[in-house]
């Protein structure tokens, strides 16, 4: 069963790869065959694409990375604080229920004093 699933996954991946190559093949054939100019142009275009990408922008500006990290840490701390407050609220409710349902009443001491006072 596992082999069948892996084989189907392989076939689907191969079909997707074939589709992508077939879709880009006309563009690849239309490229000029001159190695000097086209290679230079491709280097320039690649350099422009890389310099304009968001990943490089985040890596080059430490302020943005720090801001992103701090906002993430703030969100994590807020979530932890909220979860802690929920736990505290549940604990208070549980404690309140235990106090209310306890068999130990306030009259216990009065009854105890009454019994002791009557015997002595």
Foldseek 3Di string as FASTA:
>chain_A
DVVVVVVVVVVVVVVVVVVVCVVCVVVVVPDDPDCPVSVVVVVVVVVVVVVPDPVVVCVVDVVNVVVVVVVVVVVVVVVVVVVVVVVVVVVVVVVVVCVVPPPDDPCPVVVVVVVVVVVD
